Amino acid sequence: MRTIVFYRTARGASPVKEFLDSLNGKQAQKVVWVLRLIEELPQIPAQYFKKMDGTSDLWEVRIQAGNDAFRLLGFFDGGKLVVLTNGFAKKTQKTPARELALAEQRKRDYLLRRGS
């Protein structure tokens, strides 16, 4: 169906992997479960994966683990490849502007380096 990859910086660091490594076991298990749904289900419920309004085609992976909410932001590269750029703990209703800006910047960087 779909393939999920994590954005890597020019130096090879993976910010999403670093974020996931900071989670506890139960939280990480829930993230893995949601990512598997996104890869395998033909129609993903919006409670797990949703296009972000007002962005240049960014998508949001939505994870609820007990009282904790996490978000992974990313974009599609072609029809089936999902590139996740950053992750954060969701503490407010609105997605922080700095997280959106970071996702947009990493998307531009990815597409620029992929093209060369």
PDB file of N, CA and C in Angstrom:
ATOM      1  N   MET A   1       0.827  -1.189   0.000  1.00  0.00           N
ATOM      2  CA  MET A   1       0.000   0.000   0.000  1.00  0.00           C
ATOM      3  C   MET A   1       0.878   1.263   0.000  1.00  0.00           C
ATOM      4  N   ARG A   2       1.291   1.682   1.211  1.00  0.00           N
ATOM      5  CA  ARG A   2       2.151   2.864   1.363  1.00  0.00           C
ATOM      6  C   ARG A   2       3.436   2.453   2.055  1.00  0.00           C
ATOM      7  N   THR A   3       4.478   3.255   1.879  1.00  0.00           N
ATOM      8  CA  THR A   3       5.739   3.045   2.577  1.00  0.00           C
ATOM      9  C   THR A   3       6.051   4.313   3.350  1.00  0.00           C
ATOM     10  N   ILE A   4       6.432   4.150   4.600  1.00  0.00           N
ATOM     11  CA  ILE A   4       6.795   5.289   5.442  1.00  0.00           C
ATOM     12  C   ILE A   4       8.305   5.304   5.609  1.00  0.00           C
ATOM     13  N   VAL A   5       8.899   6.476   5.386  1.00  0.00           N
ATOM     14  CA  VAL A   5      10.326   6.669   5.654  1.00  0.00           C
ATOM     15  C   VAL A   5      10.478   7.909   6.519  1.00  0.00           C
ATOM     16  N   PHE A   6      11.602   7.981   7.212  1.00  0.00           N
ATOM     17  CA  PHE A   6      11.894   9.135   8.047  1.00  0.00           C
ATOM     18  C   PHE A   6      12.869  10.037   7.316  1.00  0.00           C
ATOM     19  N   TYR A   7      12.564  11.319   7.323  1.00  0.00           N
ATOM     20  CA  TYR A   7      13.453  12.329   6.757  1.00  0.00           C
ATOM     21  C   TYR A   7      14.818  12.219   7.432  1.00  0.00           C
ATOM     22  N   ARG A   8      15.878  12.387   6.626  1.00  0.00           N
ATOM     23  CA  ARG A   8      17.244  12.428   7.154  1.00  0.00           C
ATOM     24  C   ARG A   8      17.871  13.755   6.766  1.00  0.00           C
ATOM     25  N   THR A   9      18.604  14.346   7.696  1.00  0.00           N
ATOM     26  CA  THR A   9      19.308  15.585   7.402  1.00  0.00           C
ATOM     27  C   THR A   9      20.453  15.284   6.447  1.00  0.00           C
ATOM     28  N   ALA A  10      21.097  16.328   5.931  1.00  0.00           N
ATOM     29  CA  ALA A  10      22.236  16.149   5.029  1.00  0.00           C
ATOM     30  C   ALA A  10      23.360  15.375   5.714  1.00  0.00           C
ATOM     31  N   ARG A  11      23.426  15.463   7.038  1.00  0.00           N
ATOM     32  CA  ARG A  11      24.460  14.735   7.797  1.00  0.00           C
ATOM     33  C   ARG A  11      24.022  13.336   8.210  1.00  0.00           C
ATOM     34  N   GLY A  12      22.786  12.955   7.856  1.00  0.00           N
ATOM     35  CA  GLY A  12      22.317  11.601   8.139  1.00  0.00           C
ATOM     36  C   GLY A  12      21.510  11.432   9.407  1.00  0.00           C
ATOM     37  N   ALA A  13      21.298  12.495  10.169  1.00  0.00           N
ATOM     38  CA  ALA A  13      20.494  12.385  11.389  1.00  0.00           C
ATOM     39  C   ALA A  13      19.018  12.183  11.031  1.00  0.00           C
ATOM     40  N   SER A  14      18.307  11.473  11.892  1.00  0.00           N
ATOM     41  CA  SER A  14      16.884  11.225  11.682  1.00  0.00           C
ATOM     42  C   SER A  14      16.094  11.808  12.862  1.00  0.00           C
ATOM     43  N   PRO A  15      15.590  13.061  12.709  1.00  0.00           N
ATOM     44  CA  PRO A  15      14.866  13.702  13.814  1.00  0.00           C
ATOM     45  C   PRO A  15      13.647  12.913  14.297  1.00  0.00           C
ATOM     46  N   VAL A  16      12.940  12.237  13.388  1.00  0.00           N
ATOM     47  CA  VAL A  16      11.761  11.468  13.798  1.00  0.00           C
ATOM     48  C   VAL A  16      12.190  10.266  14.634  1.00  0.00           C
ATOM     49  N   LYS A  17      13.240   9.578  14.217  1.00  0.00           N
ATOM     50  CA  LYS A  17      13.738   8.436  14.997  1.00  0.00           C
ATOM     51  C   LYS A  17      14.173   8.897  16.383  1.00  0.00           C
ATOM     52  N   GLU A  18      14.851  10.039  16.450  1.00  0.00           N
ATOM     53  CA  GLU A  18      15.280  10.573  17.749  1.00  0.00           C
ATOM     54  C   GLU A  18      14.064  10.882  18.629  1.00  0.00           C
ATOM     55  N   PHE A  19      13.005  11.446  18.044  1.00  0.00           N
ATOM     56  CA  PHE A  19      11.791  11.713  18.811  1.00  0.00           C
ATOM     57  C   PHE A  19      11.184  10.411  19.311  1.00  0.00           C
ATOM     58  N   LEU A  20      11.076   9.422  18.423  1.00  0.00           N
ATOM     59  CA  LEU A  20      10.472   8.140  18.813  1.00  0.00           C
ATOM     60  C   LEU A  20      11.287   7.447  19.891  1.00  0.00           C
ATOM     61  N   ASP A  21      12.601   7.576  19.821  1.00  0.00           N
ATOM     62  CA  ASP A  21      13.467   6.970  20.841  1.00  0.00           C
ATOM     63  C   ASP A  21      13.252   7.598  22.214  1.00  0.00           C
ATOM     64  N   SER A  22      12.700   8.815  22.269  1.00  0.00           N
ATOM     65  CA  SER A  22      12.473   9.500  23.546  1.00  0.00           C
ATOM     66  C   SER A  22      11.179   9.030  24.229  1.00  0.00           C
ATOM     67  N   LEU A  23      10.345   8.283  23.523  1.00  0.00           N
ATOM     68  CA  LEU A  23       9.062   7.832  24.074  1.00  0.00           C
ATOM     69  C   LEU A  23       9.264   6.589  24.943  1.00  0.00           C
ATOM     70  N   ASN A  24       8.322   6.365  25.859  1.00  0.00           N
ATOM     71  CA  ASN A  24       8.398   5.128  26.643  1.00  0.00           C
ATOM     72  C   ASN A  24       7.863   3.958  25.819  1.00  0.00           C
ATOM     73  N   GLY A  25       7.970   2.760  26.341  1.00  0.00           N
ATOM     74  CA  GLY A  25       7.609   1.550  25.600  1.00  0.00           C
ATOM     75  C   GLY A  25       6.181   1.530  25.090  1.00  0.00           C
ATOM     76  N   LYS A  26       5.218   1.843  25.962  1.00  0.00           N
ATOM     77  CA  LYS A  26       3.801   1.831  25.560  1.00  0.00           C
ATOM     78  C   LYS A  26       3.519   2.878  24.492  1.00  0.00           C
ATOM     79  N   GLN A  27       4.094   4.065  24.655  1.00  0.00           N
ATOM     80  CA  GLN A  27       3.899   5.131  23.674  1.00  0.00           C
ATOM     81  C   GLN A  27       4.486   4.715  22.326  1.00  0.00           C
ATOM     82  N   ALA A  28       5.675   4.163  22.335  1.00  0.00           N
ATOM     83  CA  ALA A  28       6.323   3.732  21.096  1.00  0.00           C
ATOM     84  C   ALA A  28       5.521   2.622  20.418  1.00  0.00           C
ATOM     85  N   GLN A  29       4.973   1.698  21.206  1.00  0.00           N
ATOM     86  CA  GLN A  29       4.147   0.624  20.644  1.00  0.00           C
ATOM     87  C   GLN A  29       2.937   1.193  19.916  1.00  0.00           C
ATOM     88  N   LYS A  30       2.302   2.195  20.507  1.00  0.00           N
ATOM     89  CA  LYS A  30       1.127   2.810  19.886  1.00  0.00           C
ATOM     90  C   LYS A  30       1.509   3.508  18.582  1.00  0.00           C
ATOM     91  N   VAL A  31       2.660   4.201  18.573  1.00  0.00           N
ATOM     92  CA  VAL A  31       3.124   4.860  17.353  1.00  0.00           C
ATOM     93  C   VAL A  31       3.343   3.821  16.249  1.00  0.00           C
ATOM     94  N   VAL A  32       4.010   2.725  16.577  1.00  0.00           N
ATOM     95  CA  VAL A  32       4.271   1.673  15.592  1.00  0.00           C
ATOM     96  C   VAL A  32       2.950   1.114  15.053  1.00  0.00           C
ATOM     97  N   TRP A  33       1.976   0.922  15.931  1.00  0.00           N
ATOM     98  CA  TRP A  33       0.678   0.397  15.526  1.00  0.00           C
ATOM     99  C   TRP A  33      -0.005   1.343  14.531  1.00  0.00           C
ATOM    100  N   VAL A  34       0.020   2.661  14.822  1.00  0.00           N
ATOM    101  CA  VAL A  34      -0.609   3.646  13.930  1.00  0.00           C
ATOM    102  C   VAL A  34       0.142   3.712  12.594  1.00  0.00           C
ATOM    103  N   LEU A  35       1.475   3.686  12.632  1.00  0.00           N
ATOM    104  CA  LEU A  35       2.241   3.717  11.381  1.00  0.00           C
ATOM    105  C   LEU A  35       1.941   2.488  10.522  1.00  0.00           C
ATOM    106  N   ARG A  36       1.747   1.350  11.160  1.00  0.00           N
ATOM    107  CA  ARG A  36       1.396   0.133  10.413  1.00  0.00           C
ATOM    108  C   ARG A  36       0.028   0.288   9.746  1.00  0.00           C
ATOM    109  N   LEU A  37      -0.933   0.886  10.451  1.00  0.00           N
ATOM    110  CA  LEU A  37      -2.253   1.149   9.851  1.00  0.00           C
ATOM    111  C   LEU A  37      -2.105   1.997   8.588  1.00  0.00           C
ATOM    112  N   ILE A  38      -1.286   3.045   8.692  1.00  0.00           N
ATOM    113  CA  ILE A  38      -1.109   3.962   7.562  1.00  0.00           C
ATOM    114  C   ILE A  38      -0.477   3.234   6.380  1.00  0.00           C
ATOM    115  N   GLU A  39       0.433   2.332   6.661  1.00  0.00           N
ATOM    116  CA  GLU A  39       1.064   1.580   5.564  1.00  0.00           C
ATOM    117  C   GLU A  39       0.116   0.560   4.944  1.00  0.00           C
ATOM    118  N   GLU A  40      -0.749  -0.045   5.743  1.00  0.00           N
ATOM    119  CA  GLU A  40      -1.504  -1.207   5.275  1.00  0.00           C
ATOM    120  C   GLU A  40      -2.951  -0.952   4.870  1.00  0.00           C
ATOM    121  N   LEU A  41      -3.629   0.000   5.507  1.00  0.00           N
ATOM    122  CA  LEU A  41      -5.051   0.203   5.203  1.00  0.00           C
ATOM    123  C   LEU A  41      -5.239   1.019   3.920  1.00  0.00           C
ATOM    124  N   PRO A  42      -6.158   0.599   3.049  1.00  0.00           N
ATOM    125  CA  PRO A  42      -6.432   1.389   1.851  1.00  0.00           C
ATOM    126  C   PRO A  42      -7.063   2.747   2.195  1.00  0.00           C
ATOM    127  N   GLN A  43      -7.950   2.785   3.181  1.00  0.00           N
ATOM    128  CA  GLN A  43      -8.594   4.011   3.663  1.00  0.00           C
ATOM    129  C   GLN A  43      -8.224   4.179   5.127  1.00  0.00           C
ATOM    130  N   ILE A  44      -7.498   5.232   5.446  1.00  0.00           N
ATOM    131  CA  ILE A  44      -7.054   5.446   6.825  1.00  0.00           C
ATOM    132  C   ILE A  44      -8.034   6.385   7.513  1.00  0.00           C
ATOM    133  N   PRO A  45      -8.561   5.999   8.679  1.00  0.00           N
ATOM    134  CA  PRO A  45      -9.459   6.903   9.404  1.00  0.00           C
ATOM    135  C   PRO A  45      -8.763   8.225   9.743  1.00  0.00           C
ATOM    136  N   ALA A  46      -9.488   9.331   9.637  1.00  0.00           N
ATOM    137  CA  ALA A  46      -8.922  10.664   9.889  1.00  0.00           C
ATOM    138  C   ALA A  46      -8.431  10.817  11.324  1.00  0.00           C
ATOM    139  N   GLN A  47      -8.884   9.968  12.229  1.00  0.00           N
ATOM    140  CA  GLN A  47      -8.388  10.071  13.600  1.00  0.00           C
ATOM    141  C   GLN A  47      -6.912   9.687  13.682  1.00  0.00           C
ATOM    142  N   TYR A  48      -6.371   9.031  12.636  1.00  0.00           N
ATOM    143  CA  TYR A  48      -4.971   8.623  12.621  1.00  0.00           C
ATOM    144  C   TYR A  48      -4.110   9.364  11.592  1.00  0.00           C
ATOM    145  N   PHE A  49      -4.725   9.842  10.510  1.00  0.00           N
ATOM    146  CA  PHE A  49      -3.940  10.417   9.414  1.00  0.00           C
ATOM    147  C   PHE A  49      -4.795  11.451   8.701  1.00  0.00           C
ATOM    148  N   LYS A  50      -4.318  12.702   8.696  1.00  0.00           N
ATOM    149  CA  LYS A  50      -5.167  13.777   8.183  1.00  0.00           C
ATOM    150  C   LYS A  50      -4.323  14.821   7.466  1.00  0.00           C
ATOM    151  N   LYS A  51      -4.847  15.313   6.346  1.00  0.00           N
ATOM    152  CA  LYS A  51      -4.189  16.404   5.612  1.00  0.00           C
ATOM    153  C   LYS A  51      -4.350  17.677   6.422  1.00  0.00           C
ATOM    154  N   MET A  52      -3.274  18.463   6.487  1.00  0.00           N
ATOM    155  CA  MET A  52      -3.293  19.686   7.284  1.00  0.00           C
ATOM    156  C   MET A  52      -3.736  20.867   6.420  1.00  0.00           C
ATOM    157  N   ASP A  53      -4.763  21.550   6.855  1.00  0.00           N
ATOM    158  CA  ASP A  53      -5.249  22.733   6.149  1.00  0.00           C
ATOM    159  C   ASP A  53      -4.209  23.845   6.213  1.00  0.00           C
ATOM    160  N   GLY A  54      -4.144  24.645   5.161  1.00  0.00           N
ATOM    161  CA  GLY A  54      -3.280  25.821   5.157  1.00  0.00           C
ATOM    162  C   GLY A  54      -1.795  25.519   5.023  1.00  0.00           C
ATOM    163  N   THR A  55      -1.455  24.322   4.548  1.00  0.00           N
ATOM    164  CA  THR A  55      -0.043  23.957   4.374  1.00  0.00           C
ATOM    165  C   THR A  55       0.188  23.566   2.921  1.00  0.00           C
ATOM    166  N   SER A  56       1.454  23.383   2.576  1.00  0.00           N
ATOM    167  CA  SER A  56       1.778  22.939   1.216  1.00  0.00           C
ATOM    168  C   SER A  56       1.764  21.411   1.177  1.00  0.00           C
ATOM    169  N   ASP A  57       0.583  20.854   1.394  1.00  0.00           N
ATOM    170  CA  ASP A  57       0.369  19.417   1.306  1.00  0.00           C
ATOM    171  C   ASP A  57       1.065  18.635   2.417  1.00  0.00           C
ATOM    172  N   LEU A  58       1.056  19.149   3.633  1.00  0.00           N
ATOM    173  CA  LEU A  58       1.567  18.397   4.779  1.00  0.00           C
ATOM    174  C   LEU A  58       0.451  17.525   5.342  1.00  0.00           C
ATOM    175  N   TRP A  59       0.856  16.392   5.896  1.00  0.00           N
ATOM    176  CA  TRP A  59      -0.063  15.462   6.523  1.00  0.00           C
ATOM    177  C   TRP A  59       0.357  15.268   7.966  1.00  0.00           C
ATOM    178  N   GLU A  60      -0.608  14.888   8.786  1.00  0.00           N
ATOM    179  CA  GLU A  60      -0.388  14.724  10.218  1.00  0.00           C
ATOM    180  C   GLU A  60      -0.748  13.300  10.620  1.00  0.00           C
ATOM    181  N   VAL A  61       0.203  12.604  11.239  1.00  0.00           N
ATOM    182  CA  VAL A  61      -0.063  11.301  11.855  1.00  0.00           C
ATOM    183  C   VAL A  61      -0.467  11.606  13.290  1.00  0.00           C
ATOM    184  N   ARG A  62      -1.634  11.103  13.683  1.00  0.00           N
ATOM    185  CA  ARG A  62      -2.208  11.439  14.986  1.00  0.00           C
ATOM    186  C   ARG A  62      -2.184  10.205  15.892  1.00  0.00           C
ATOM    187  N   ILE A  63      -1.501  10.328  17.026  1.00  0.00           N
ATOM    188  CA  ILE A  63      -1.363   9.211  17.957  1.00  0.00           C
ATOM    189  C   ILE A  63      -1.866   9.645  19.324  1.00  0.00           C
ATOM    190  N   GLN A  64      -2.745   8.849  19.883  1.00  0.00           N
ATOM    191  CA  GLN A  64      -3.241   9.069  21.240  1.00  0.00           C
ATOM    192  C   GLN A  64      -2.831   7.851  22.053  1.00  0.00           C
ATOM    193  N   ALA A  65      -2.006   8.065  23.081  1.00  0.00           N
ATOM    194  CA  ALA A  65      -1.551   6.971  23.950  1.00  0.00           C
ATOM    195  C   ALA A  65      -1.917   7.339  25.378  1.00  0.00           C
ATOM    196  N   GLY A  66      -3.047   6.829  25.851  1.00  0.00           N
ATOM    197  CA  GLY A  66      -3.532   7.223  27.172  1.00  0.00           C
ATOM    198  C   GLY A  66      -3.880   8.703  27.160  1.00  0.00           C
ATOM    199  N   ASN A  67      -3.300   9.457  28.097  1.00  0.00           N
ATOM    200  CA  ASN A  67      -3.554  10.897  28.159  1.00  0.00           C
ATOM    201  C   ASN A  67      -2.593  11.699  27.293  1.00  0.00           C
ATOM    202  N   ASP A  68      -1.668  11.026  26.636  1.00  0.00           N
ATOM    203  CA  ASP A  68      -0.660  11.704  25.824  1.00  0.00           C
ATOM    204  C   ASP A  68      -1.050  11.693  24.353  1.00  0.00           C
ATOM    205  N   ALA A  69      -0.856  12.830  23.706  1.00  0.00           N
ATOM    206  CA  ALA A  69      -1.118  12.944  22.266  1.00  0.00           C
ATOM    207  C   ALA A  69       0.194  13.307  21.577  1.00  0.00           C
ATOM    208  N   PHE A  70       0.473  12.614  20.490  1.00  0.00           N
ATOM    209  CA  PHE A  70       1.682  12.860  19.714  1.00  0.00           C
ATOM    210  C   PHE A  70       1.303  13.104  18.267  1.00  0.00           C
ATOM    211  N   ARG A  71       2.128  13.882  17.583  1.00  0.00           N
ATOM    212  CA  ARG A  71       1.929  14.145  16.169  1.00  0.00           C
ATOM    213  C   ARG A  71       3.241  13.954  15.436  1.00  0.00           C
ATOM    214  N   LEU A  72       3.140  13.351  14.264  1.00  0.00           N
ATOM    215  CA  LEU A  72       4.254  13.253  13.329  1.00  0.00           C
ATOM    216  C   LEU A  72       3.796  13.972  12.073  1.00  0.00           C
ATOM    217  N   LEU A  73       4.610  14.866  11.564  1.00  0.00           N
ATOM    218  CA  LEU A  73       4.253  15.597  10.348  1.00  0.00           C
ATOM    219  C   LEU A  73       5.077  15.070   9.186  1.00  0.00           C
ATOM    220  N   GLY A  74       4.487  15.128   7.997  1.00  0.00           N
ATOM    221  CA  GLY A  74       5.196  14.669   6.816  1.00  0.00           C
ATOM    222  C   GLY A  74       4.441  15.005   5.549  1.00  0.00           C
ATOM    223  N   PHE A  75       4.876  14.358   4.469  1.00  0.00           N
ATOM    224  CA  PHE A  75       4.299  14.646   3.153  1.00  0.00           C
ATOM    225  C   PHE A  75       4.441  13.411   2.275  1.00  0.00           C
ATOM    226  N   PHE A  76       3.709  13.420   1.167  1.00  0.00           N
ATOM    227  CA  PHE A  76       3.816  12.340   0.187  1.00  0.00           C
ATOM    228  C   PHE A  76       4.881  12.700  -0.840  1.00  0.00           C
ATOM    229  N   ASP A  77       5.719  11.735  -1.163  1.00  0.00           N
ATOM    230  CA  ASP A  77       6.670  11.854  -2.274  1.00  0.00           C
ATOM    231  C   ASP A  77       6.186  10.842  -3.306  1.00  0.00           C
ATOM    232  N   GLY A  78       5.437  11.322  -4.282  1.00  0.00           N
ATOM    233  CA  GLY A  78       4.762  10.398  -5.190  1.00  0.00           C
ATOM    234  C   GLY A  78       3.478   9.936  -4.512  1.00  0.00           C
ATOM    235  N   GLY A  79       2.890   8.882  -5.027  1.00  0.00           N
ATOM    236  CA  GLY A  79       1.600   8.447  -4.501  1.00  0.00           C
ATOM    237  C   GLY A  79       1.644   7.563  -3.283  1.00  0.00           C
ATOM    238  N   LYS A  80       2.750   6.837  -3.056  1.00  0.00           N
ATOM    239  CA  LYS A  80       2.750   5.813  -2.011  1.00  0.00           C
ATOM    240  C   LYS A  80       3.813   5.992  -0.940  1.00  0.00           C
ATOM    241  N   LEU A  81       4.755   6.928  -1.130  1.00  0.00           N
ATOM    242  CA  LEU A  81       5.830   7.117  -0.163  1.00  0.00           C
ATOM    243  C   LEU A  81       5.486   8.284   0.765  1.00  0.00           C
ATOM    244  N   VAL A  82       5.439   8.008   2.062  1.00  0.00           N
ATOM    245  CA  VAL A  82       5.179   9.038   3.064  1.00  0.00           C
ATOM    246  C   VAL A  82       6.505   9.335   3.765  1.00  0.00           C
ATOM    247  N   VAL A  83       6.937  10.591   3.705  1.00  0.00           N
ATOM    248  CA  VAL A  83       8.181  11.018   4.344  1.00  0.00           C
ATOM    249  C   VAL A  83       7.809  11.792   5.598  1.00  0.00           C
ATOM    250  N   LEU A  84       8.159  11.261   6.769  1.00  0.00           N
ATOM    251  CA  LEU A  84       7.873  11.933   8.030  1.00  0.00           C
ATOM    252  C   LEU A  84       9.051  12.817   8.408  1.00  0.00           C
ATOM    253  N   THR A  85       8.768  14.075   8.727  1.00  0.00           N
ATOM    254  CA  THR A  85       9.820  15.068   8.933  1.00  0.00           C
ATOM    255  C   THR A  85      10.099  15.395  10.390  1.00  0.00           C
ATOM    256  N   ASN A  86       9.072  15.397  11.233  1.00  0.00           N
ATOM    257  CA  ASN A  86       9.273  15.750  12.630  1.00  0.00           C
ATOM    258  C   ASN A  86       8.131  15.221  13.490  1.00  0.00           C
ATOM    259  N   GLY A  87       8.408  15.118  14.785  1.00  0.00           N
ATOM    260  CA  GLY A  87       7.419  14.645  15.735  1.00  0.00           C
ATOM    261  C   GLY A  87       7.453  15.489  16.989  1.00  0.00           C
ATOM    262  N   PHE A  88       6.310  15.531  17.682  1.00  0.00           N
ATOM    263  CA  PHE A  88       6.233  16.327  18.913  1.00  0.00           C
ATOM    264  C   PHE A  88       5.050  15.857  19.748  1.00  0.00           C
ATOM    265  N   ALA A  89       5.110  16.167  21.038  1.00  0.00           N
ATOM    266  CA  ALA A  89       3.987  15.915  21.931  1.00  0.00           C
ATOM    267  C   ALA A  89       2.992  17.050  21.744  1.00  0.00           C
ATOM    268  N   LYS A  90       1.751  16.698  21.550  1.00  0.00           N
ATOM    269  CA  LYS A  90       0.690  17.695  21.315  1.00  0.00           C
ATOM    270  C   LYS A  90       0.159  18.164  22.663  1.00  0.00           C
ATOM    271  N   LYS A  91       0.297  19.457  22.939  1.00  0.00           N
ATOM    272  CA  LYS A  91      -0.130  19.994  24.229  1.00  0.00           C
ATOM    273  C   LYS A  91      -1.245  21.028  24.092  1.00  0.00           C
ATOM    274  N   THR A  92      -1.496  21.497  22.874  1.00  0.00           N
ATOM    275  CA  THR A  92      -2.544  22.497  22.646  1.00  0.00           C
ATOM    276  C   THR A  92      -3.418  22.047  21.486  1.00  0.00           C
ATOM    277  N   GLN A  93      -4.558  22.707  21.323  1.00  0.00           N
ATOM    278  CA  GLN A  93      -5.460  22.383  20.212  1.00  0.00           C
ATOM    279  C   GLN A  93      -4.805  22.637  18.863  1.00  0.00           C
ATOM    280  N   LYS A  94      -4.098  23.746  18.774  1.00  0.00           N
ATOM    281  CA  LYS A  94      -3.515  24.168  17.501  1.00  0.00           C
ATOM    282  C   LYS A  94      -2.089  23.637  17.365  1.00  0.00           C
ATOM    283  N   THR A  95      -1.753  23.168  16.177  1.00  0.00           N
ATOM    284  CA  THR A  95      -0.388  22.707  15.920  1.00  0.00           C
ATOM    285  C   THR A  95       0.558  23.902  15.982  1.00  0.00           C
ATOM    286  N   PRO A  96       1.642  23.794  16.768  1.00  0.00           N
ATOM    287  CA  PRO A  96       2.569  24.930  16.882  1.00  0.00           C
ATOM    288  C   PRO A  96       3.128  25.359  15.520  1.00  0.00           C
ATOM    289  N   ALA A  97       3.164  26.672  15.293  1.00  0.00           N
ATOM    290  CA  ALA A  97       3.646  27.224  14.025  1.00  0.00           C
ATOM    291  C   ALA A  97       5.089  26.795  13.750  1.00  0.00           C
ATOM    292  N   ARG A  98       5.913  26.686  14.794  1.00  0.00           N
ATOM    293  CA  ARG A  98       7.311  26.310  14.575  1.00  0.00           C
ATOM    294  C   ARG A  98       7.428  24.865  14.064  1.00  0.00           C
ATOM    295  N   GLU A  99       6.508  23.987  14.488  1.00  0.00           N
ATOM    296  CA  GLU A  99       6.529  22.599  14.004  1.00  0.00           C
ATOM    297  C   GLU A  99       6.122  22.555  12.530  1.00  0.00           C
ATOM    298  N   LEU A 100       5.119  23.353  12.162  1.00  0.00           N
ATOM    299  CA  LEU A 100       4.705  23.424  10.752  1.00  0.00           C
ATOM    300  C   LEU A 100       5.832  23.993   9.891  1.00  0.00           C
ATOM    301  N   ALA A 101       6.476  25.050  10.370  1.00  0.00           N
ATOM    302  CA  ALA A 101       7.573  25.666   9.616  1.00  0.00           C
ATOM    303  C   ALA A 101       8.726  24.688   9.456  1.00  0.00           C
ATOM    304  N   LEU A 102       9.016  23.924  10.505  1.00  0.00           N
ATOM    305  CA  LEU A 102      10.086  22.937  10.448  1.00  0.00           C
ATOM    306  C   LEU A 102       9.756  21.845   9.420  1.00  0.00           C
ATOM    307  N   ALA A 103       8.519  21.382   9.415  1.00  0.00           N
ATOM    308  CA  ALA A 103       8.103  20.363   8.441  1.00  0.00           C
ATOM    309  C   ALA A 103       8.219  20.902   7.021  1.00  0.00           C
ATOM    310  N   GLU A 104       7.793  22.145   6.802  1.00  0.00           N
ATOM    311  CA  GLU A 104       7.882  22.757   5.471  1.00  0.00           C
ATOM    312  C   GLU A 104       9.348  22.876   5.029  1.00  0.00           C
ATOM    313  N   GLN A 105      10.216  23.307   5.940  1.00  0.00           N
ATOM    314  CA  GLN A 105      11.641  23.473   5.629  1.00  0.00           C
ATOM    315  C   GLN A 105      12.278  22.129   5.295  1.00  0.00           C
ATOM    316  N   ARG A 106      11.945  21.092   6.071  1.00  0.00           N
ATOM    317  CA  ARG A 106      12.522  19.764   5.812  1.00  0.00           C
ATOM    318  C   ARG A 106      11.975  19.162   4.527  1.00  0.00           C
ATOM    319  N   LYS A 107      10.732  19.467   4.200  1.00  0.00           N
ATOM    320  CA  LYS A 107      10.170  19.007   2.926  1.00  0.00           C
ATOM    321  C   LYS A 107      10.942  19.628   1.769  1.00  0.00           C
ATOM    322  N   ARG A 108      11.167  20.945   1.832  1.00  0.00           N
ATOM    323  CA  ARG A 108      11.937  21.623   0.773  1.00  0.00           C
ATOM    324  C   ARG A 108      13.342  21.032   0.662  1.00  0.00           C
ATOM    325  N   ASP A 109      13.992  20.820   1.809  1.00  0.00           N
ATOM    326  CA  ASP A 109      15.333  20.256   1.825  1.00  0.00           C
ATOM    327  C   ASP A 109      15.354  18.860   1.200  1.00  0.00           C
ATOM    328  N   TYR A 110      14.406  18.024   1.578  1.00  0.00           N
ATOM    329  CA  TYR A 110      14.312  16.661   1.053  1.00  0.00           C
ATOM    330  C   TYR A 110      14.146  16.682  -0.470  1.00  0.00           C
ATOM    331  N   LEU A 111      13.199  17.489  -0.943  1.00  0.00           N
ATOM    332  CA  LEU A 111      12.923  17.525  -2.370  1.00  0.00           C
ATOM    333  C   LEU A 111      14.106  18.097  -3.156  1.00  0.00           C
ATOM    334  N   LEU A 112      14.782  19.074  -2.600  1.00  0.00           N
ATOM    335  CA  LEU A 112      15.971  19.655  -3.246  1.00  0.00           C
ATOM    336  C   LEU A 112      17.082  18.623  -3.344  1.00  0.00           C
ATOM    337  N   ARG A 113      17.362  17.918  -2.252  1.00  0.00           N
ATOM    338  CA  ARG A 113      18.444  16.921  -2.266  1.00  0.00           C
ATOM    339  C   ARG A 113      18.059  15.687  -3.082  1.00  0.00           C
ATOM    340  N   ARG A 114      16.799  15.325  -3.099  1.00  0.00           N
ATOM    341  CA  ARG A 114      16.346  14.175  -3.887  1.00  0.00           C
ATOM    342  C   ARG A 114      16.518  14.456  -5.378  1.00  0.00           C
ATOM    343  N   GLY A 115      16.294  15.718  -5.752  1.00  0.00           N
ATOM    344  CA  GLY A 115      16.384  16.107  -7.156  1.00  0.00           C
ATOM    345  C   GLY A 115      17.794  16.101  -7.699  1.00  0.00           C
ATOM    346  N   SER A 116      18.791  16.221  -6.814  1.00  0.00           N
ATOM    347  CA  SER A 116      20.172  16.300  -7.309  1.00  0.00           C
ATOM    348  C   SER A 116      20.853  14.950  -7.337  1.00  0.00           C
TER     349      SER A 116
END
